[in-house]
């Protein structure tokens, strides 16, 4: 997969591409396979289009038939809606990010912060929602990526040139 370069307000986010978790189909012939299948989701590359419109960046998955990592006959549900990448103003910590994300309500929100060479990642989940991601890269405004996922260790940011 080639790199995807997304121009933000104050820098460029560079990632190897986006991915989603998929459960392999368990084999019911051997009990151990079923347990393995439930505990070992696979990461599949997600083919996307990146479009700038209305002053925002939109990332949409290509139609299921054009996804190389999925067998369309075996997919039960597919999230085809585009994700708007946002850089909300004034969000500098996890607490403010959660208030922004939930529109002020924070009941039943679970958040987990992980640290990476480029900064911090806040992974959010709530009943019926998630996981969704908010990035806090060093020296850049925070970035909302929604349910998009990538190899966070390989993510990097470059200044605008």
N, C-alpha and C. Protein backbone atom coordinates (compact mmCIF):
# COMPACT_ATOMS: atom_id res chain seq x y z
N UNK A 1 0.86 -1.18 0.00
CA UNK A 1 0.00 0.00 0.00
C UNK A 1 0.90 1.24 0.00
N UNK A 2 0.56 2.20 -0.82
CA UNK A 2 1.37 3.42 -0.88
C UNK A 2 0.95 4.38 0.23
N UNK A 3 1.81 5.35 0.47
CA UNK A 3 1.53 6.34 1.52
C UNK A 3 0.37 7.23 1.13
N UNK A 4 -0.37 7.63 2.14
CA UNK A 4 -1.42 8.62 1.96
C UNK A 4 -0.96 9.88 2.68
N UNK A 5 -0.96 11.00 1.97
CA UNK A 5 -0.55 12.29 2.52
C UNK A 5 -1.79 13.17 2.62
N UNK A 6 -2.11 13.58 3.84
CA UNK A 6 -3.31 14.40 4.07
C UNK A 6 -2.85 15.75 4.60
N UNK A 7 -3.12 16.79 3.82
CA UNK A 7 -2.73 18.15 4.19
C UNK A 7 -3.74 18.68 5.20
N UNK A 8 -3.22 19.06 6.37
CA UNK A 8 -4.03 19.61 7.45
C UNK A 8 -3.80 21.11 7.54
N UNK A 9 -4.38 21.77 8.54
CA UNK A 9 -4.21 23.21 8.70
C UNK A 9 -2.76 23.61 8.85
N UNK A 10 -2.02 22.87 9.68
CA UNK A 10 -0.67 23.30 10.02
C UNK A 10 0.38 22.22 9.81
N UNK A 11 0.10 21.24 8.98
CA UNK A 11 1.07 20.19 8.70
C UNK A 11 0.47 19.14 7.77
N UNK A 12 1.26 18.10 7.54
CA UNK A 12 0.83 17.01 6.67
C UNK A 12 0.89 15.72 7.47
N UNK A 13 -0.21 14.97 7.48
CA UNK A 13 -0.23 13.66 8.12
C UNK A 13 0.10 12.63 7.05
N UNK A 14 1.07 11.78 7.35
CA UNK A 14 1.50 10.75 6.39
C UNK A 14 1.29 9.40 7.04
N UNK A 15 0.51 8.54 6.37
CA UNK A 15 0.29 7.20 6.91
C UNK A 15 0.38 6.19 5.77
N UNK A 16 0.59 4.95 6.14
CA UNK A 16 0.70 3.88 5.14
C UNK A 16 -0.65 3.54 4.54
N UNK A 17 -1.70 4.05 5.10
CA UNK A 17 -3.05 3.76 4.64
C UNK A 17 -3.92 3.44 5.83
N UNK A 18 -5.18 3.23 5.59
CA UNK A 18 -6.12 2.93 6.66
C UNK A 18 -6.47 1.45 6.64
N UNK A 19 -6.98 0.98 7.77
CA UNK A 19 -7.30 -0.43 7.90
C UNK A 19 -8.48 -0.60 8.84
N UNK A 20 -9.11 -1.75 8.77
CA UNK A 20 -10.19 -2.06 9.70
C UNK A 20 -10.01 -3.49 10.16
N UNK A 21 -10.60 -3.78 11.32
CA UNK A 21 -10.52 -5.13 11.85
C UNK A 21 -11.63 -5.98 11.26
N UNK A 22 -11.27 -7.20 10.92
CA UNK A 22 -12.25 -8.16 10.40
C UNK A 22 -12.07 -9.47 11.15
N UNK A 23 -13.16 -10.11 11.46
CA UNK A 23 -13.09 -11.41 12.13
C UNK A 23 -13.00 -12.49 11.05
N UNK A 24 -12.04 -13.39 11.15
CA UNK A 24 -12.02 -14.51 10.21
C UNK A 24 -13.21 -15.43 10.50
N UNK A 25 -13.66 -16.11 9.47
CA UNK A 25 -14.79 -17.02 9.67
C UNK A 25 -14.31 -18.23 10.47
N UNK A 26 -14.93 -18.51 11.61
CA UNK A 26 -14.47 -19.64 12.41
C UNK A 26 -14.89 -20.96 11.80
N UNK A 27 -14.10 -21.95 12.03
CA UNK A 27 -14.44 -23.30 11.62
C UNK A 27 -15.12 -23.97 12.80
N UNK A 28 -16.28 -24.53 12.59
CA UNK A 28 -16.99 -25.18 13.68
C UNK A 28 -16.56 -26.64 13.84
N UNK A 29 -15.69 -27.12 12.97
CA UNK A 29 -15.25 -28.52 13.04
C UNK A 29 -14.30 -28.74 14.21
N UNK A 30 -13.51 -27.73 14.54
CA UNK A 30 -12.55 -27.86 15.64
C UNK A 30 -12.84 -26.75 16.64
N UNK A 31 -13.12 -27.11 17.86
CA UNK A 31 -13.50 -26.11 18.87
C UNK A 31 -12.45 -25.02 19.02
N UNK A 32 -11.16 -25.40 18.96
CA UNK A 32 -10.10 -24.41 19.14
C UNK A 32 -10.12 -23.32 18.09
N UNK A 33 -10.56 -23.64 16.87
CA UNK A 33 -10.62 -22.63 15.81
C UNK A 33 -11.61 -21.53 16.15
N UNK A 34 -12.73 -21.92 16.74
CA UNK A 34 -13.74 -20.92 17.07
C UNK A 34 -13.19 -19.94 18.09
N UNK A 35 -12.54 -20.44 19.12
CA UNK A 35 -11.95 -19.56 20.12
C UNK A 35 -10.88 -18.68 19.49
N UNK A 36 -10.03 -19.26 18.66
CA UNK A 36 -8.98 -18.48 18.00
C UNK A 36 -9.59 -17.38 17.14
N UNK A 37 -10.62 -17.71 16.39
CA UNK A 37 -11.23 -16.75 15.48
C UNK A 37 -11.82 -15.57 16.26
N UNK A 38 -12.40 -15.83 17.40
CA UNK A 38 -12.99 -14.76 18.17
C UNK A 38 -11.93 -13.88 18.84
N UNK A 39 -10.78 -14.47 19.15
CA UNK A 39 -9.74 -13.71 19.85
C UNK A 39 -8.70 -13.10 18.94
N UNK A 40 -8.67 -13.48 17.69
CA UNK A 40 -7.62 -13.03 16.77
C UNK A 40 -8.22 -12.31 15.55
N UNK A 41 -8.73 -11.11 15.71
CA UNK A 41 -9.24 -10.40 14.53
C UNK A 41 -8.08 -10.05 13.60
N UNK A 42 -8.37 -10.00 12.33
CA UNK A 42 -7.36 -9.68 11.33
C UNK A 42 -7.45 -8.22 10.96
N UNK A 43 -6.29 -7.60 10.70
CA UNK A 43 -6.28 -6.22 10.20
C UNK A 43 -6.24 -6.30 8.69
N UNK A 44 -7.20 -5.67 8.04
CA UNK A 44 -7.27 -5.66 6.58
C UNK A 44 -7.09 -4.24 6.07
N UNK A 45 -6.31 -4.11 5.00
CA UNK A 45 -6.12 -2.80 4.38
C UNK A 45 -7.45 -2.32 3.80
N UNK A 46 -7.71 -1.05 3.95
CA UNK A 46 -8.96 -0.45 3.50
C UNK A 46 -8.64 0.50 2.35
N UNK A 47 -9.13 0.20 1.16
CA UNK A 47 -8.93 1.09 0.02
C UNK A 47 -9.89 2.27 0.16
N UNK A 48 -9.36 3.49 0.06
CA UNK A 48 -10.16 4.69 0.30
C UNK A 48 -9.94 5.73 -0.79
N UNK A 49 -10.85 6.68 -0.83
CA UNK A 49 -10.65 7.89 -1.61
C UNK A 49 -10.52 9.04 -0.63
N UNK A 50 -9.67 10.00 -0.96
CA UNK A 50 -9.47 11.19 -0.12
C UNK A 50 -9.91 12.39 -0.95
N UNK A 51 -10.84 13.16 -0.41
CA UNK A 51 -11.39 14.29 -1.15
C UNK A 51 -11.46 15.51 -0.24
N UNK A 52 -11.10 16.66 -0.79
CA UNK A 52 -11.25 17.91 -0.04
C UNK A 52 -12.46 18.62 -0.61
N UNK A 53 -13.45 18.88 0.27
CA UNK A 53 -14.65 19.61 -0.17
C UNK A 53 -15.23 20.37 1.02
N UNK A 54 -15.80 21.50 0.74
CA UNK A 54 -16.41 22.35 1.77
C UNK A 54 -15.40 22.70 2.86
N UNK A 55 -14.13 22.83 2.51
CA UNK A 55 -13.10 23.20 3.46
C UNK A 55 -12.71 22.08 4.41
N UNK A 56 -13.15 20.87 4.14
CA UNK A 56 -12.84 19.73 5.02
C UNK A 56 -12.26 18.60 4.18
N UNK A 57 -11.65 17.65 4.87
CA UNK A 57 -11.11 16.47 4.21
C UNK A 57 -12.05 15.31 4.51
N UNK A 58 -12.45 14.60 3.46
CA UNK A 58 -13.35 13.46 3.60
C UNK A 58 -12.64 12.21 3.10
N UNK A 59 -12.69 11.17 3.90
CA UNK A 59 -12.12 9.89 3.49
C UNK A 59 -13.26 8.90 3.43
N UNK A 60 -13.40 8.27 2.27
CA UNK A 60 -14.49 7.31 2.08
C UNK A 60 -13.91 5.98 1.62
N UNK A 61 -14.42 4.88 2.15
CA UNK A 61 -13.97 3.59 1.65
C UNK A 61 -14.49 3.38 0.22
N UNK A 62 -13.68 2.77 -0.60
CA UNK A 62 -14.15 2.42 -1.94
C UNK A 62 -15.24 1.36 -1.78
N UNK A 63 -16.07 1.17 -2.81
CA UNK A 63 -17.11 0.14 -2.70
C UNK A 63 -16.51 -1.23 -2.35
N UNK A 64 -17.29 -2.02 -1.67
CA UNK A 64 -16.84 -3.33 -1.20
C UNK A 64 -16.26 -4.18 -2.33
N UNK A 65 -16.84 -4.10 -3.51
CA UNK A 65 -16.36 -4.90 -4.64
C UNK A 65 -14.93 -4.51 -5.04
N UNK A 66 -14.48 -3.31 -4.65
CA UNK A 66 -13.13 -2.84 -5.02
C UNK A 66 -12.14 -2.98 -3.86
N UNK A 67 -12.53 -3.63 -2.78
CA UNK A 67 -11.66 -3.84 -1.63
C UNK A 67 -10.90 -5.15 -1.82
N UNK A 68 -9.58 -5.06 -1.93
CA UNK A 68 -8.78 -6.25 -2.16
C UNK A 68 -8.72 -7.21 -0.99
N UNK A 69 -8.87 -6.72 0.24
CA UNK A 69 -8.71 -7.58 1.40
C UNK A 69 -9.97 -8.26 1.89
N UNK A 70 -11.09 -8.10 1.18
CA UNK A 70 -12.37 -8.64 1.66
C UNK A 70 -13.05 -9.46 0.58
N UNK A 71 -13.70 -10.50 0.99
CA UNK A 71 -14.52 -11.30 0.09
C UNK A 71 -15.95 -10.77 0.22
N UNK A 72 -16.46 -10.07 -0.81
CA UNK A 72 -17.80 -9.46 -0.70
C UNK A 72 -18.89 -10.46 -0.33
N UNK A 73 -18.72 -11.72 -0.68
CA UNK A 73 -19.74 -12.72 -0.37
C UNK A 73 -19.80 -13.05 1.12
N UNK A 74 -18.73 -12.72 1.86
CA UNK A 74 -18.68 -13.10 3.27
C UNK A 74 -18.85 -11.92 4.22
N UNK A 75 -18.98 -10.71 3.69
CA UNK A 75 -19.12 -9.53 4.54
C UNK A 75 -20.58 -9.38 4.96
N UNK A 76 -20.79 -9.25 6.26
CA UNK A 76 -22.16 -9.12 6.78
C UNK A 76 -22.59 -7.67 6.82
N UNK A 77 -21.71 -6.77 7.28
CA UNK A 77 -22.04 -5.36 7.35
C UNK A 77 -20.88 -4.54 6.83
N UNK A 78 -21.15 -3.39 6.26
CA UNK A 78 -20.08 -2.57 5.67
C UNK A 78 -20.36 -1.11 5.96
N UNK A 79 -19.38 -0.40 6.55
CA UNK A 79 -19.52 1.03 6.82
C UNK A 79 -19.00 1.80 5.62
N UNK A 80 -19.90 2.22 4.76
CA UNK A 80 -19.51 2.89 3.53
C UNK A 80 -19.53 4.41 3.63
N UNK A 81 -20.00 4.94 4.77
CA UNK A 81 -20.12 6.39 4.88
C UNK A 81 -18.74 7.03 4.99
N UNK A 82 -18.59 8.23 4.42
CA UNK A 82 -17.29 8.92 4.53
C UNK A 82 -17.04 9.43 5.94
N UNK A 83 -15.77 9.60 6.27
CA UNK A 83 -15.36 10.15 7.56
C UNK A 83 -14.75 11.52 7.33
N UNK A 84 -15.21 12.49 8.06
CA UNK A 84 -14.67 13.84 7.97
C UNK A 84 -13.52 13.98 8.96
N UNK A 85 -12.36 14.30 8.46
CA UNK A 85 -11.22 14.57 9.34
C UNK A 85 -11.37 15.99 9.82
N UNK A 86 -11.40 16.17 11.13
CA UNK A 86 -11.59 17.50 11.71
C UNK A 86 -10.42 17.87 12.60
N UNK A 87 -10.18 19.17 12.70
CA UNK A 87 -9.22 19.72 13.65
C UNK A 87 -9.96 20.76 14.49
N UNK A 88 -10.67 20.30 15.53
CA UNK A 88 -11.44 21.25 16.34
C UNK A 88 -10.52 22.23 17.06
N UNK A 89 -10.96 23.48 17.13
CA UNK A 89 -10.16 24.52 17.79
C UNK A 89 -10.19 24.37 19.31
N UNK A 90 -9.07 24.66 19.95
CA UNK A 90 -9.00 24.75 21.39
C UNK A 90 -9.02 23.42 22.14
N UNK A 91 -8.87 22.31 21.47
CA UNK A 91 -8.87 21.01 22.13
C UNK A 91 -7.41 20.60 22.36
N UNK A 92 -7.00 20.59 23.63
CA UNK A 92 -5.60 20.28 23.92
C UNK A 92 -5.42 19.10 24.85
N UNK A 93 -6.52 18.57 25.40
CA UNK A 93 -6.37 17.42 26.30
C UNK A 93 -7.55 16.46 26.11
N UNK A 94 -7.42 15.29 26.72
CA UNK A 94 -8.42 14.23 26.55
C UNK A 94 -9.80 14.65 27.05
N UNK A 95 -9.86 15.33 28.19
CA UNK A 95 -11.15 15.73 28.74
C UNK A 95 -11.92 16.64 27.79
N UNK A 96 -11.25 17.66 27.26
CA UNK A 96 -11.90 18.56 26.29
C UNK A 96 -12.27 17.81 25.01
N UNK A 97 -11.43 16.87 24.59
CA UNK A 97 -11.71 16.09 23.39
C UNK A 97 -12.98 15.26 23.57
N UNK A 98 -13.14 14.66 24.74
CA UNK A 98 -14.33 13.85 25.00
C UNK A 98 -15.58 14.73 25.01
N UNK A 99 -15.51 15.90 25.65
CA UNK A 99 -16.66 16.82 25.64
C UNK A 99 -17.01 17.23 24.22
N UNK A 100 -16.01 17.54 23.39
CA UNK A 100 -16.26 17.92 22.00
C UNK A 100 -16.88 16.75 21.25
N UNK A 101 -16.31 15.57 21.42
CA UNK A 101 -16.76 14.37 20.70
C UNK A 101 -18.20 14.02 21.02
N UNK A 102 -18.57 14.10 22.29
CA UNK A 102 -19.91 13.72 22.72
C UNK A 102 -20.87 14.90 22.81
N UNK A 103 -20.43 16.08 22.40
CA UNK A 103 -21.31 17.24 22.46
C UNK A 103 -21.67 17.63 23.88
N UNK A 104 -20.75 17.41 24.81
CA UNK A 104 -20.97 17.80 26.19
C UNK A 104 -21.37 16.67 27.11
N UNK A 105 -21.89 15.57 26.58
CA UNK A 105 -22.25 14.45 27.45
C UNK A 105 -21.10 13.46 27.48
N UNK A 106 -20.76 13.03 28.67
CA UNK A 106 -19.61 12.13 28.81
C UNK A 106 -19.96 10.83 29.52
N UNK A 107 -21.24 10.53 29.70
CA UNK A 107 -21.61 9.29 30.36
C UNK A 107 -21.16 8.10 29.53
N UNK A 108 -20.69 7.10 30.20
CA UNK A 108 -20.33 5.82 29.59
C UNK A 108 -19.29 5.90 28.49
N UNK A 109 -18.45 6.92 28.52
CA UNK A 109 -17.37 7.02 27.53
C UNK A 109 -16.12 6.39 28.13
N UNK A 110 -15.50 5.51 27.37
CA UNK A 110 -14.23 4.92 27.79
C UNK A 110 -13.15 5.48 26.88
N UNK A 111 -12.09 5.96 27.46
CA UNK A 111 -10.97 6.49 26.68
C UNK A 111 -9.67 5.86 27.11
N UNK A 112 -8.80 5.65 26.15
CA UNK A 112 -7.48 5.09 26.45
C UNK A 112 -6.46 5.90 25.66
N UNK A 113 -5.43 6.37 26.37
CA UNK A 113 -4.38 7.15 25.72
C UNK A 113 -3.16 6.26 25.53
N UNK A 114 -2.58 6.32 24.34
CA UNK A 114 -1.31 5.65 24.09
C UNK A 114 -0.33 6.68 23.56
N UNK A 115 0.94 6.45 23.85
CA UNK A 115 1.99 7.39 23.46
C UNK A 115 2.78 6.83 22.28
N UNK A 116 3.10 7.72 21.34
CA UNK A 116 3.82 7.35 20.12
C UNK A 116 4.90 8.40 19.87
N UNK A 117 5.86 8.10 19.00
CA UNK A 117 6.91 9.09 18.72
C UNK A 117 6.36 10.43 18.23
N UNK A 118 5.24 10.44 17.55
CA UNK A 118 4.67 11.67 17.00
C UNK A 118 3.79 12.41 18.00
N UNK A 119 3.37 11.76 19.11
CA UNK A 119 2.49 12.40 20.08
C UNK A 119 1.62 11.37 20.79
N UNK A 120 0.36 11.75 21.11
CA UNK A 120 -0.56 10.88 21.84
C UNK A 120 -1.79 10.56 21.00
N UNK A 121 -2.33 9.37 21.25
CA UNK A 121 -3.55 8.91 20.59
C UNK A 121 -4.59 8.65 21.66
N UNK A 122 -5.77 9.23 21.50
CA UNK A 122 -6.89 8.97 22.39
C UNK A 122 -7.88 8.09 21.63
N UNK A 123 -8.11 6.90 22.17
CA UNK A 123 -9.06 5.96 21.57
C UNK A 123 -10.31 6.00 22.43
N UNK A 124 -11.44 6.34 21.82
CA UNK A 124 -12.71 6.53 22.53
C UNK A 124 -13.72 5.47 22.15
N UNK A 125 -14.49 5.04 23.15
CA UNK A 125 -15.60 4.12 22.90
C UNK A 125 -16.74 4.49 23.82
N UNK A 126 -17.95 4.29 23.33
CA UNK A 126 -19.17 4.51 24.12
C UNK A 126 -20.17 3.46 23.64
N UNK A 127 -21.21 3.21 24.40
CA UNK A 127 -22.19 2.21 23.97
C UNK A 127 -22.69 2.49 22.55
N UNK A 128 -22.49 1.53 21.67
CA UNK A 128 -22.93 1.66 20.28
C UNK A 128 -22.02 2.50 19.40
N UNK A 129 -20.93 3.01 19.94
CA UNK A 129 -20.02 3.87 19.18
C UNK A 129 -18.59 3.44 19.45
N UNK A 130 -17.80 3.39 18.41
CA UNK A 130 -16.37 3.25 18.63
C UNK A 130 -15.81 1.98 18.03
N UNK A 131 -14.53 1.85 18.09
CA UNK A 131 -13.63 2.87 18.61
C UNK A 131 -13.46 4.02 17.63
N UNK A 132 -13.27 5.20 18.18
CA UNK A 132 -12.97 6.38 17.38
C UNK A 132 -11.69 6.99 17.92
N UNK A 133 -11.01 7.78 17.08
CA UNK A 133 -9.66 8.22 17.41
C UNK A 133 -9.49 9.72 17.32
N UNK A 134 -8.81 10.28 18.32
CA UNK A 134 -8.41 11.68 18.31
C UNK A 134 -6.91 11.70 18.56
N UNK A 135 -6.18 12.37 17.68
CA UNK A 135 -4.72 12.43 17.76
C UNK A 135 -4.28 13.77 18.32
N UNK A 136 -3.24 13.72 19.12
CA UNK A 136 -2.62 14.92 19.65
C UNK A 136 -1.15 14.93 19.21
N UNK A 137 -0.89 15.27 17.95
CA UNK A 137 0.50 15.30 17.49
C UNK A 137 1.25 16.48 18.10
N UNK A 138 2.54 16.30 18.32
CA UNK A 138 3.35 17.39 18.87
C UNK A 138 3.37 18.55 17.89
N UNK A 139 3.17 19.75 18.40
CA UNK A 139 3.28 21.00 17.64
C UNK A 139 2.21 21.16 16.55
N UNK A 140 1.14 20.35 16.59
CA UNK A 140 0.03 20.51 15.66
C UNK A 140 -1.28 20.47 16.45
N UNK A 141 -2.33 21.02 15.85
CA UNK A 141 -3.65 20.96 16.47
C UNK A 141 -4.14 19.52 16.49
N UNK A 142 -5.02 19.20 17.44
CA UNK A 142 -5.53 17.83 17.52
C UNK A 142 -6.32 17.49 16.26
N UNK A 143 -6.41 16.19 15.99
CA UNK A 143 -7.03 15.71 14.75
C UNK A 143 -8.02 14.60 15.10
N UNK A 144 -9.26 14.75 14.64
CA UNK A 144 -10.27 13.72 14.81
C UNK A 144 -10.27 12.85 13.56
N UNK A 145 -10.10 11.53 13.74
CA UNK A 145 -10.09 10.60 12.61
C UNK A 145 -11.30 9.66 12.61
N UNK A 146 -12.21 9.82 13.54
CA UNK A 146 -13.38 8.95 13.56
C UNK A 146 -12.97 7.49 13.72
N UNK A 147 -13.66 6.59 13.03
CA UNK A 147 -13.38 5.17 13.17
C UNK A 147 -12.23 4.69 12.29
N UNK A 148 -11.59 5.62 11.57
CA UNK A 148 -10.45 5.23 10.76
C UNK A 148 -9.32 4.73 11.65
N UNK A 149 -8.61 3.74 11.20
CA UNK A 149 -7.51 3.17 11.96
C UNK A 149 -6.33 3.03 11.02
N UNK A 150 -5.12 3.06 11.57
CA UNK A 150 -3.91 2.91 10.77
C UNK A 150 -2.85 2.27 11.67
N UNK A 151 -1.69 2.06 11.14
CA UNK A 151 -0.58 1.58 11.96
C UNK A 151 -0.02 2.80 12.67
N UNK A 152 -0.45 3.02 13.90
CA UNK A 152 -0.11 4.25 14.63
C UNK A 152 1.39 4.41 14.82
N UNK A 153 2.13 3.31 14.87
CA UNK A 153 3.59 3.40 15.06
C UNK A 153 4.27 4.00 13.83
N UNK A 154 3.69 3.81 12.66
CA UNK A 154 4.29 4.29 11.42
C UNK A 154 3.82 5.69 11.03
N UNK A 155 2.80 6.20 11.70
CA UNK A 155 2.26 7.52 11.39
C UNK A 155 3.32 8.59 11.62
N UNK A 156 3.35 9.60 10.76
CA UNK A 156 4.27 10.71 10.98
C UNK A 156 3.63 12.01 10.49
N UNK A 157 4.19 13.10 10.97
CA UNK A 157 3.69 14.41 10.59
C UNK A 157 4.85 15.25 10.06
N UNK A 158 4.57 16.02 9.02
CA UNK A 158 5.58 16.88 8.41
C UNK A 158 5.04 18.30 8.41
N UNK A 159 5.93 19.28 8.53
CA UNK A 159 5.47 20.68 8.45
C UNK A 159 5.02 20.99 7.03
N UNK A 160 4.15 21.97 6.90
CA UNK A 160 3.76 22.43 5.56
C UNK A 160 4.97 23.08 4.91
N UNK A 161 5.17 22.77 3.66
CA UNK A 161 6.34 23.40 2.99
C UNK A 161 5.93 24.41 1.96
